[in-house]
Each structure stands twice: as C-alpha cells, then as structure tokens.
N, C-alpha and C. Protein backbone atom coordinates (compact mmCIF):
# COMPACT_ATOMS: atom_id res chain seq x y z
N MET A 1 126.29 122.28 47.63
CA MET A 1 126.67 121.18 46.75
C MET A 1 128.11 121.36 46.26
N ALA A 2 128.48 122.56 45.88
CA ALA A 2 129.83 122.80 45.37
C ALA A 2 130.87 122.61 46.47
N ASP A 3 130.53 123.00 47.72
CA ASP A 3 131.47 122.82 48.83
C ASP A 3 131.72 121.34 49.09
N GLU A 4 130.66 120.52 49.02
CA GLU A 4 130.82 119.08 49.24
C GLU A 4 131.69 118.46 48.15
N LEU A 5 131.52 118.91 46.91
CA LEU A 5 132.33 118.40 45.80
C LEU A 5 133.80 118.76 45.99
N ILE A 6 134.07 119.98 46.38
CA ILE A 6 135.46 120.42 46.60
C ILE A 6 136.09 119.63 47.74
N VAL A 7 135.35 119.45 48.84
CA VAL A 7 135.88 118.66 49.96
C VAL A 7 136.14 117.23 49.52
N GLY A 8 135.23 116.65 48.76
CA GLY A 8 135.41 115.28 48.26
C GLY A 8 136.63 115.16 47.37
N LEU A 9 136.84 116.14 46.49
CA LEU A 9 138.00 116.12 45.61
C LEU A 9 139.31 116.28 46.39
N VAL A 10 139.31 117.15 47.40
CA VAL A 10 140.51 117.33 48.23
C VAL A 10 140.84 116.05 48.96
N VAL A 11 139.84 115.39 49.53
CA VAL A 11 140.07 114.13 50.24
C VAL A 11 140.60 113.07 49.27
N PHE A 12 140.03 113.00 48.07
CA PHE A 12 140.48 112.04 47.07
C PHE A 12 141.93 112.27 46.67
N VAL A 13 142.30 113.52 46.41
CA VAL A 13 143.67 113.83 46.00
C VAL A 13 144.65 113.53 47.13
N LEU A 14 144.31 113.92 48.35
CA LEU A 14 145.19 113.64 49.49
C LEU A 14 145.33 112.14 49.72
N ALA A 15 144.22 111.41 49.63
CA ALA A 15 144.27 109.95 49.81
C ALA A 15 145.12 109.30 48.71
N SER A 16 145.04 109.83 47.50
CA SER A 16 145.86 109.29 46.40
C SER A 16 147.34 109.48 46.68
N PHE A 17 147.73 110.68 47.11
CA PHE A 17 149.14 110.94 47.41
C PHE A 17 149.63 110.10 48.58
N VAL A 18 148.85 110.03 49.64
CA VAL A 18 149.25 109.24 50.81
C VAL A 18 149.34 107.76 50.44
N GLY A 19 148.37 107.26 49.72
CA GLY A 19 148.39 105.85 49.30
C GLY A 19 149.59 105.54 48.44
N PHE A 20 149.92 106.42 47.51
CA PHE A 20 151.09 106.21 46.66
C PHE A 20 152.37 106.17 47.48
N GLU A 21 152.51 107.09 48.41
CA GLU A 21 153.71 107.13 49.24
C GLU A 21 153.83 105.91 50.14
N VAL A 22 152.71 105.48 50.72
CA VAL A 22 152.74 104.31 51.59
C VAL A 22 153.11 103.06 50.81
N ILE A 23 152.51 102.86 49.66
CA ILE A 23 152.79 101.68 48.85
C ILE A 23 154.21 101.71 48.31
N ASN A 24 154.72 102.87 47.99
CA ASN A 24 156.09 103.00 47.48
C ASN A 24 157.14 102.59 48.51
N LYS A 25 156.83 102.75 49.79
CA LYS A 25 157.80 102.47 50.84
C LYS A 25 157.78 101.01 51.31
N VAL A 26 156.91 100.18 50.77
CA VAL A 26 156.78 98.79 51.22
C VAL A 26 157.87 97.94 50.59
N PRO A 27 158.61 97.16 51.40
CA PRO A 27 159.61 96.25 50.83
C PRO A 27 158.93 95.12 50.05
N PRO A 28 159.61 94.59 49.05
CA PRO A 28 159.01 93.54 48.20
C PRO A 28 158.55 92.30 48.96
N THR A 29 159.17 91.97 50.10
CA THR A 29 158.78 90.76 50.84
C THR A 29 157.40 90.90 51.47
N LEU A 30 156.90 92.10 51.61
CA LEU A 30 155.59 92.31 52.23
C LEU A 30 154.46 92.48 51.22
N HIS A 31 154.76 92.42 49.94
CA HIS A 31 153.72 92.69 48.95
C HIS A 31 152.58 91.68 48.99
N THR A 32 152.89 90.38 49.15
CA THR A 32 151.83 89.37 49.15
C THR A 32 150.89 89.53 50.34
N PRO A 33 151.40 89.67 51.58
CA PRO A 33 150.46 89.88 52.69
C PRO A 33 149.65 91.17 52.55
N LEU A 34 150.27 92.22 52.05
CA LEU A 34 149.54 93.47 51.87
C LEU A 34 148.50 93.35 50.77
N MET A 35 148.80 92.55 49.75
CA MET A 35 147.84 92.33 48.66
C MET A 35 146.59 91.67 49.21
N SER A 36 146.76 90.71 50.12
CA SER A 36 145.59 90.05 50.72
C SER A 36 144.77 91.04 51.52
N GLY A 37 145.44 91.90 52.26
CA GLY A 37 144.73 92.93 53.02
C GLY A 37 144.00 93.91 52.12
N SER A 38 144.63 94.30 51.03
CA SER A 38 143.98 95.23 50.12
C SER A 38 142.80 94.58 49.41
N ASN A 39 142.87 93.26 49.18
CA ASN A 39 141.72 92.57 48.60
C ASN A 39 140.53 92.62 49.55
N ALA A 40 140.79 92.46 50.84
CA ALA A 40 139.70 92.54 51.82
C ALA A 40 139.10 93.93 51.85
N ILE A 41 139.93 94.94 51.79
CA ILE A 41 139.43 96.33 51.78
C ILE A 41 138.65 96.60 50.51
N SER A 42 139.10 96.07 49.38
CA SER A 42 138.36 96.25 48.13
C SER A 42 137.02 95.53 48.18
N GLY A 43 136.97 94.41 48.89
CA GLY A 43 135.69 93.72 49.06
C GLY A 43 134.70 94.58 49.82
N ILE A 44 135.19 95.29 50.82
CA ILE A 44 134.34 96.22 51.57
C ILE A 44 133.89 97.36 50.66
N ALA A 45 134.78 97.81 49.79
CA ALA A 45 134.42 98.87 48.84
C ALA A 45 133.34 98.40 47.88
N VAL A 46 133.37 97.12 47.49
CA VAL A 46 132.33 96.59 46.60
C VAL A 46 130.98 96.64 47.31
N VAL A 47 130.94 96.23 48.57
CA VAL A 47 129.68 96.25 49.32
C VAL A 47 129.15 97.68 49.44
N GLY A 48 130.03 98.63 49.77
CA GLY A 48 129.61 100.03 49.87
C GLY A 48 129.11 100.58 48.55
N ALA A 49 129.81 100.22 47.47
CA ALA A 49 129.40 100.70 46.14
C ALA A 49 128.06 100.08 45.74
N LEU A 50 127.83 98.82 46.13
CA LEU A 50 126.53 98.20 45.84
C LEU A 50 125.40 98.93 46.56
N LEU A 51 125.67 99.35 47.79
CA LEU A 51 124.65 100.10 48.53
C LEU A 51 124.34 101.43 47.86
N VAL A 52 125.37 102.10 47.37
CA VAL A 52 125.17 103.39 46.70
C VAL A 52 124.47 103.20 45.36
N ALA A 53 124.85 102.15 44.63
CA ALA A 53 124.28 101.93 43.30
C ALA A 53 122.88 101.34 43.35
N GLY A 54 122.39 100.96 44.53
CA GLY A 54 121.11 100.29 44.63
C GLY A 54 119.90 101.19 44.69
N ALA A 55 120.09 102.48 44.59
CA ALA A 55 118.94 103.40 44.65
C ALA A 55 118.04 103.22 43.42
N ARG A 56 116.77 103.57 43.58
CA ARG A 56 115.81 103.36 42.48
C ARG A 56 115.93 104.43 41.39
N GLU A 57 116.23 105.65 41.77
CA GLU A 57 116.33 106.73 40.79
C GLU A 57 117.73 106.76 40.19
N TRP A 58 117.79 107.02 38.90
CA TRP A 58 119.08 107.15 38.24
C TRP A 58 119.55 108.60 38.39
N ASN A 59 120.66 108.78 39.08
CA ASN A 59 121.27 110.10 39.19
C ASN A 59 122.78 109.91 39.19
N LEU A 60 123.51 110.98 39.38
CA LEU A 60 124.97 110.92 39.31
C LEU A 60 125.54 109.98 40.37
N THR A 61 124.95 109.97 41.55
CA THR A 61 125.45 109.12 42.62
C THR A 61 125.32 107.64 42.26
N VAL A 62 124.19 107.27 41.68
CA VAL A 62 123.97 105.87 41.30
C VAL A 62 124.93 105.47 40.19
N ILE A 63 125.15 106.34 39.23
CA ILE A 63 126.08 106.04 38.12
C ILE A 63 127.50 105.89 38.66
N LEU A 64 127.91 106.80 39.55
CA LEU A 64 129.25 106.67 40.15
C LEU A 64 129.35 105.41 41.01
N GLY A 65 128.28 105.04 41.69
CA GLY A 65 128.26 103.81 42.47
C GLY A 65 128.41 102.59 41.58
N LEU A 66 127.75 102.59 40.43
CA LEU A 66 127.87 101.49 39.48
C LEU A 66 129.30 101.37 38.95
N ILE A 67 129.89 102.51 38.62
CA ILE A 67 131.29 102.51 38.17
C ILE A 67 132.20 102.00 39.28
N ALA A 68 131.92 102.39 40.52
CA ALA A 68 132.72 101.93 41.66
C ALA A 68 132.59 100.42 41.84
N VAL A 69 131.39 99.87 41.64
CA VAL A 69 131.21 98.41 41.74
C VAL A 69 132.08 97.70 40.72
N VAL A 70 132.05 98.17 39.48
CA VAL A 70 132.83 97.54 38.41
C VAL A 70 134.32 97.63 38.71
N LEU A 71 134.81 98.81 39.05
CA LEU A 71 136.24 98.98 39.29
C LEU A 71 136.72 98.22 40.52
N ALA A 72 135.95 98.24 41.60
CA ALA A 72 136.35 97.51 42.80
C ALA A 72 136.33 96.01 42.55
N THR A 73 135.38 95.52 41.77
CA THR A 73 135.34 94.09 41.45
C THR A 73 136.55 93.69 40.61
N ILE A 74 136.91 94.51 39.64
CA ILE A 74 138.11 94.24 38.84
C ILE A 74 139.33 94.23 39.75
N ASN A 75 139.39 95.14 40.70
CA ASN A 75 140.52 95.22 41.63
C ASN A 75 140.61 93.97 42.50
N VAL A 76 139.47 93.50 43.00
CA VAL A 76 139.46 92.29 43.84
C VAL A 76 139.90 91.07 43.04
N VAL A 77 139.31 90.88 41.87
CA VAL A 77 139.65 89.72 41.05
C VAL A 77 141.11 89.77 40.62
N GLY A 78 141.57 90.92 40.17
CA GLY A 78 142.97 91.06 39.77
C GLY A 78 143.91 90.84 40.93
N GLY A 79 143.55 91.33 42.11
CA GLY A 79 144.38 91.14 43.29
C GLY A 79 144.51 89.68 43.66
N PHE A 80 143.40 88.95 43.60
CA PHE A 80 143.47 87.52 43.90
C PHE A 80 144.28 86.77 42.85
N LEU A 81 144.16 87.15 41.59
CA LEU A 81 144.95 86.49 40.55
C LEU A 81 146.45 86.73 40.74
N VAL A 82 146.81 87.97 41.05
CA VAL A 82 148.23 88.28 41.29
C VAL A 82 148.74 87.56 42.52
N THR A 83 147.95 87.53 43.60
CA THR A 83 148.35 86.84 44.81
C THR A 83 148.53 85.36 44.54
N ASP A 84 147.60 84.76 43.81
CA ASP A 84 147.71 83.34 43.49
C ASP A 84 148.96 83.06 42.66
N ARG A 85 149.22 83.91 41.71
CA ARG A 85 150.41 83.71 40.87
C ARG A 85 151.69 83.84 41.70
N MET A 86 151.73 84.78 42.62
CA MET A 86 152.92 84.94 43.47
C MET A 86 153.08 83.72 44.38
N LEU A 87 151.98 83.19 44.91
CA LEU A 87 152.07 82.02 45.77
C LEU A 87 152.48 80.77 45.00
N GLN A 88 152.14 80.70 43.73
CA GLN A 88 152.56 79.58 42.90
C GLN A 88 154.08 79.51 42.77
N MET A 89 154.74 80.64 42.87
CA MET A 89 156.21 80.68 42.76
C MET A 89 156.86 79.95 43.93
N PHE A 90 156.18 79.84 45.07
CA PHE A 90 156.77 79.22 46.25
C PHE A 90 156.46 77.73 46.38
N LYS A 91 155.62 77.20 45.51
CA LYS A 91 155.32 75.77 45.56
C LYS A 91 156.46 74.97 44.96
N LYS A 92 156.66 73.77 45.50
CA LYS A 92 157.69 72.88 44.96
C LYS A 92 157.24 72.35 43.61
N LYS A 93 158.20 72.26 42.72
CA LYS A 93 157.91 71.69 41.40
C LYS A 93 157.97 70.17 41.49
N GLU A 94 157.05 69.51 40.79
CA GLU A 94 157.05 68.05 40.79
C GLU A 94 158.17 67.55 39.92
N SER A 95 158.89 66.54 40.43
CA SER A 95 159.96 65.95 39.62
C SER A 95 159.40 64.81 38.79
N ARG A 96 159.77 64.78 37.55
CA ARG A 96 159.30 63.75 36.64
C ARG A 96 160.47 62.82 36.32
N GLY A 97 160.16 61.58 36.28
CA GLY A 97 161.26 60.72 35.84
C GLY A 97 161.27 59.45 36.54
C-alpha cells in the first residue's frame, strides 16, 4: 500500500511540473483552442471520477473520487466560461444609431 502511494505521489508531482512547463510555453494565440481541448480532457476526468466515487462502501478512494468530481466539474464549467468570454471579444459590436 505504501509503495503504491509513493508511486502515485511521484507521478502526480512529475505530471504537475510537466504540465506547468508545457502550459507556460504556449503562445497567447493558442490559449482558446487549448482551453477547448482541456475542457474535453476534464470531461473525461469527470466520468472517471464518477466511476471511482460510485462504489457502495465509503472509503478513502470514494471520498477522493467525490472530491475529484467536484473539482473537475468546476474546471469544466470555468473553462467553458473563460472560453466563451474570450470568444465574445472577437464578435462584432452592434452599431446603434
């Protein structure tokens, strides 16, 4: 059990560093398309977290799955709101008069 936890933590830390470096190197013109892609990936994370959180017994895995569902859902909704707001900047303004 302890070995699995250590391996999981190492993978998490490495993924965090790699993700930070990859996102840092993206030019601003690509942020909107990448945001759409990350929303799709977060949607997959929601489905996976729902599967983990769906067990009948309450244990640490189910609690972490529930937390993952909440955080991934917030990420998806926030990502779509940010993407929508960025796309609104490119729409033509209506002229009045």
